[in-house]
Amino acid sequence: MNRSQAAKVAAHTRWSKETDRSAATSAGRSAFLARFAAQVDPEMRLDPAERDKRARNAMRAHMIALRAKQP
């Protein structure tokens, strides 16, 4: 079994036992969004709601760009 296959087995095993997927991934999602918040407002001067809105738009733009790179 190669590394990719082993990782898939591990992921499927974990999710077969997990009852609340959203809670299990919330820390990662928060950290990912925080990265975009820091990009759009590095000095943290914006209203938190506006910063969150801009960060979510930056994240969407990033995801679209990633999809465009796929063959």
N, C-alpha and C. Protein backbone atom coordinates (compact mmCIF):
# COMPACT_ATOMS: atom_id res chain seq x y z
N MET A 1 0.86 -1.17 0.00
CA MET A 1 0.00 0.00 0.00
C MET A 1 0.91 1.23 0.00
N ASN A 2 0.63 2.17 -0.91
CA ASN A 2 1.44 3.39 -0.95
C ASN A 2 0.90 4.42 0.05
N ARG A 3 1.61 5.52 0.19
CA ARG A 3 1.24 6.54 1.18
C ARG A 3 -0.14 7.13 0.92
N SER A 4 -0.45 7.36 -0.34
CA SER A 4 -1.75 7.93 -0.69
C SER A 4 -2.89 6.99 -0.29
N GLN A 5 -2.72 5.74 -0.57
CA GLN A 5 -3.74 4.76 -0.20
C GLN A 5 -3.86 4.65 1.31
N ALA A 6 -2.73 4.65 2.01
CA ALA A 6 -2.76 4.57 3.48
C ALA A 6 -3.47 5.78 4.07
N ALA A 7 -3.24 6.95 3.51
CA ALA A 7 -3.90 8.16 3.99
C ALA A 7 -5.40 8.09 3.76
N LYS A 8 -5.81 7.56 2.62
CA LYS A 8 -7.24 7.41 2.33
C LYS A 8 -7.90 6.45 3.30
N VAL A 9 -7.23 5.34 3.58
CA VAL A 9 -7.76 4.37 4.54
C VAL A 9 -7.91 5.04 5.90
N ALA A 10 -6.89 5.76 6.33
CA ALA A 10 -6.94 6.44 7.64
C ALA A 10 -8.07 7.46 7.70
N ALA A 11 -8.23 8.23 6.63
CA ALA A 11 -9.29 9.24 6.61
C ALA A 11 -10.67 8.59 6.67
N HIS A 12 -10.87 7.56 5.87
CA HIS A 12 -12.18 6.89 5.88
C HIS A 12 -12.46 6.21 7.21
N THR A 13 -11.42 5.66 7.81
CA THR A 13 -11.58 5.04 9.13
C THR A 13 -11.99 6.09 10.16
N ARG A 14 -11.32 7.24 10.13
CA ARG A 14 -11.66 8.31 11.07
C ARG A 14 -13.11 8.76 10.89
N TRP A 15 -13.50 9.03 9.66
CA TRP A 15 -14.84 9.56 9.42
C TRP A 15 -15.92 8.51 9.66
N SER A 16 -15.56 7.24 9.63
CA SER A 16 -16.55 6.20 9.94
C SER A 16 -16.89 6.18 11.43
N LYS A 17 -15.99 6.73 12.25
CA LYS A 17 -16.19 6.74 13.70
C LYS A 17 -16.62 8.10 14.24
N GLU A 18 -16.45 9.13 13.45
CA GLU A 18 -16.72 10.51 13.90
C GLU A 18 -18.21 10.79 13.87
N THR A 19 -18.73 11.35 14.96
CA THR A 19 -20.16 11.65 15.01
C THR A 19 -20.46 13.09 14.58
N ASP A 20 -19.55 14.00 14.83
CA ASP A 20 -19.77 15.40 14.48
C ASP A 20 -18.61 15.90 13.63
N ARG A 21 -18.75 15.76 12.32
CA ARG A 21 -17.67 16.15 11.40
C ARG A 21 -17.39 17.65 11.47
N SER A 22 -18.42 18.43 11.63
CA SER A 22 -18.24 19.88 11.67
C SER A 22 -17.36 20.29 12.86
N ALA A 23 -17.62 19.70 14.00
CA ALA A 23 -16.82 20.01 15.19
C ALA A 23 -15.38 19.53 15.02
N ALA A 24 -15.20 18.39 14.34
CA ALA A 24 -13.87 17.83 14.16
C ALA A 24 -13.00 18.70 13.26
N THR A 25 -13.62 19.44 12.37
CA THR A 25 -12.85 20.24 11.41
C THR A 25 -12.93 21.74 11.69
N SER A 26 -13.60 22.15 12.74
CA SER A 26 -13.81 23.57 12.99
C SER A 26 -12.51 24.34 13.24
N ALA A 27 -11.57 23.75 13.94
CA ALA A 27 -10.30 24.44 14.21
C ALA A 27 -9.54 24.69 12.91
N GLY A 28 -9.52 23.72 12.03
CA GLY A 28 -8.84 23.87 10.74
C GLY A 28 -9.50 24.91 9.87
N ARG A 29 -10.84 24.89 9.85
CA ARG A 29 -11.55 25.89 9.04
C ARG A 29 -11.33 27.30 9.58
N SER A 30 -11.31 27.43 10.89
CA SER A 30 -11.08 28.75 11.50
C SER A 30 -9.68 29.27 11.17
N ALA A 31 -8.69 28.39 11.25
CA ALA A 31 -7.31 28.79 10.94
C ALA A 31 -7.17 29.17 9.47
N PHE A 32 -7.83 28.42 8.60
CA PHE A 32 -7.77 28.70 7.17
C PHE A 32 -8.38 30.07 6.88
N LEU A 33 -9.53 30.36 7.48
CA LEU A 33 -10.18 31.65 7.27
C LEU A 33 -9.36 32.78 7.89
N ALA A 34 -8.71 32.53 9.01
CA ALA A 34 -7.87 33.55 9.66
C ALA A 34 -6.72 33.97 8.75
N ARG A 35 -6.22 33.04 7.96
CA ARG A 35 -5.16 33.36 6.99
C ARG A 35 -5.64 34.43 6.00
N PHE A 36 -6.85 34.28 5.53
CA PHE A 36 -7.39 35.25 4.57
C PHE A 36 -7.74 36.57 5.26
N ALA A 37 -8.20 36.49 6.50
CA ALA A 37 -8.49 37.71 7.26
C ALA A 37 -7.22 38.54 7.42
N ALA A 38 -6.10 37.87 7.68
CA ALA A 38 -4.82 38.57 7.83
C ALA A 38 -4.37 39.19 6.51
N GLN A 39 -4.72 38.56 5.40
CA GLN A 39 -4.36 39.11 4.09
C GLN A 39 -5.17 40.35 3.76
N VAL A 40 -6.46 40.33 4.05
CA VAL A 40 -7.32 41.45 3.65
C VAL A 40 -7.26 42.61 4.64
N ASP A 41 -6.85 42.34 5.87
CA ASP A 41 -6.79 43.39 6.89
C ASP A 41 -5.61 43.13 7.84
N PRO A 42 -4.38 43.29 7.32
CA PRO A 42 -3.21 42.94 8.14
C PRO A 42 -3.07 43.78 9.41
N GLU A 43 -3.60 44.98 9.42
CA GLU A 43 -3.48 45.84 10.61
C GLU A 43 -4.69 45.74 11.52
N MET A 44 -5.66 44.88 11.14
CA MET A 44 -6.87 44.64 11.94
C MET A 44 -7.61 45.93 12.26
N ARG A 45 -7.80 46.76 11.25
CA ARG A 45 -8.49 48.04 11.45
C ARG A 45 -9.96 47.99 11.05
N LEU A 46 -10.33 47.01 10.25
CA LEU A 46 -11.71 46.92 9.78
C LEU A 46 -12.64 46.41 10.88
N ASP A 47 -13.91 46.72 10.71
CA ASP A 47 -14.94 46.16 11.56
C ASP A 47 -14.89 44.63 11.39
N PRO A 48 -15.02 43.86 12.46
CA PRO A 48 -14.92 42.40 12.35
C PRO A 48 -15.87 41.79 11.31
N ALA A 49 -17.06 42.31 11.20
CA ALA A 49 -18.01 41.77 10.21
C ALA A 49 -17.51 42.03 8.79
N GLU A 50 -16.96 43.21 8.55
CA GLU A 50 -16.44 43.55 7.23
C GLU A 50 -15.19 42.71 6.93
N ARG A 51 -14.32 42.53 7.91
CA ARG A 51 -13.13 41.71 7.73
C ARG A 51 -13.52 40.28 7.38
N ASP A 52 -14.51 39.74 8.08
CA ASP A 52 -14.98 38.39 7.81
C ASP A 52 -15.55 38.28 6.40
N LYS A 53 -16.33 39.26 5.99
CA LYS A 53 -16.91 39.26 4.65
C LYS A 53 -15.82 39.27 3.59
N ARG A 54 -14.83 40.13 3.76
CA ARG A 54 -13.73 40.21 2.80
C ARG A 54 -12.88 38.95 2.81
N ALA A 55 -12.66 38.39 3.99
CA ALA A 55 -11.87 37.16 4.09
C ALA A 55 -12.57 36.01 3.37
N ARG A 56 -13.88 35.91 3.54
CA ARG A 56 -14.63 34.85 2.85
C ARG A 56 -14.57 35.04 1.33
N ASN A 57 -14.61 36.28 0.86
CA ASN A 57 -14.48 36.53 -0.57
C ASN A 57 -13.08 36.17 -1.06
N ALA A 58 -12.06 36.50 -0.29
CA ALA A 58 -10.69 36.14 -0.66
C ALA A 58 -10.52 34.63 -0.70
N MET A 59 -11.15 33.93 0.24
CA MET A 59 -11.08 32.48 0.26
C MET A 59 -11.77 31.89 -0.97
N ARG A 60 -12.93 32.42 -1.32
CA ARG A 60 -13.63 31.94 -2.52
C ARG A 60 -12.79 32.17 -3.77
N ALA A 61 -12.18 33.33 -3.87
CA ALA A 61 -11.31 33.62 -5.02
C ALA A 61 -10.15 32.62 -5.07
N HIS A 62 -9.57 32.32 -3.93
CA HIS A 62 -8.48 31.35 -3.85
C HIS A 62 -8.94 29.98 -4.33
N MET A 63 -10.11 29.54 -3.89
CA MET A 63 -10.63 28.23 -4.28
C MET A 63 -10.93 28.17 -5.77
N ILE A 64 -11.47 29.24 -6.31
CA ILE A 64 -11.74 29.28 -7.76
C ILE A 64 -10.45 29.19 -8.55
N ALA A 65 -9.42 29.90 -8.08
CA ALA A 65 -8.12 29.86 -8.76
C ALA A 65 -7.52 28.45 -8.70
N LEU A 66 -7.70 27.76 -7.57
CA LEU A 66 -7.20 26.38 -7.46
C LEU A 66 -7.93 25.46 -8.43
N ARG A 67 -9.25 25.63 -8.52
CA ARG A 67 -10.02 24.80 -9.45
C ARG A 67 -9.60 25.04 -10.89
N ALA A 68 -9.27 26.28 -11.21
CA ALA A 68 -8.88 26.63 -12.58
C ALA A 68 -7.55 25.97 -12.95
N LYS A 69 -6.71 25.68 -11.97
CA LYS A 69 -5.40 25.06 -12.23
C LYS A 69 -5.50 23.56 -12.47
N GLN A 70 -6.61 22.96 -12.07
CA GLN A 70 -6.74 21.51 -12.24
C GLN A 70 -6.91 21.16 -13.71
N PRO A 71 -6.33 20.02 -14.09
CA PRO A 71 -6.43 19.59 -15.51
C PRO A 71 -7.84 19.19 -15.89
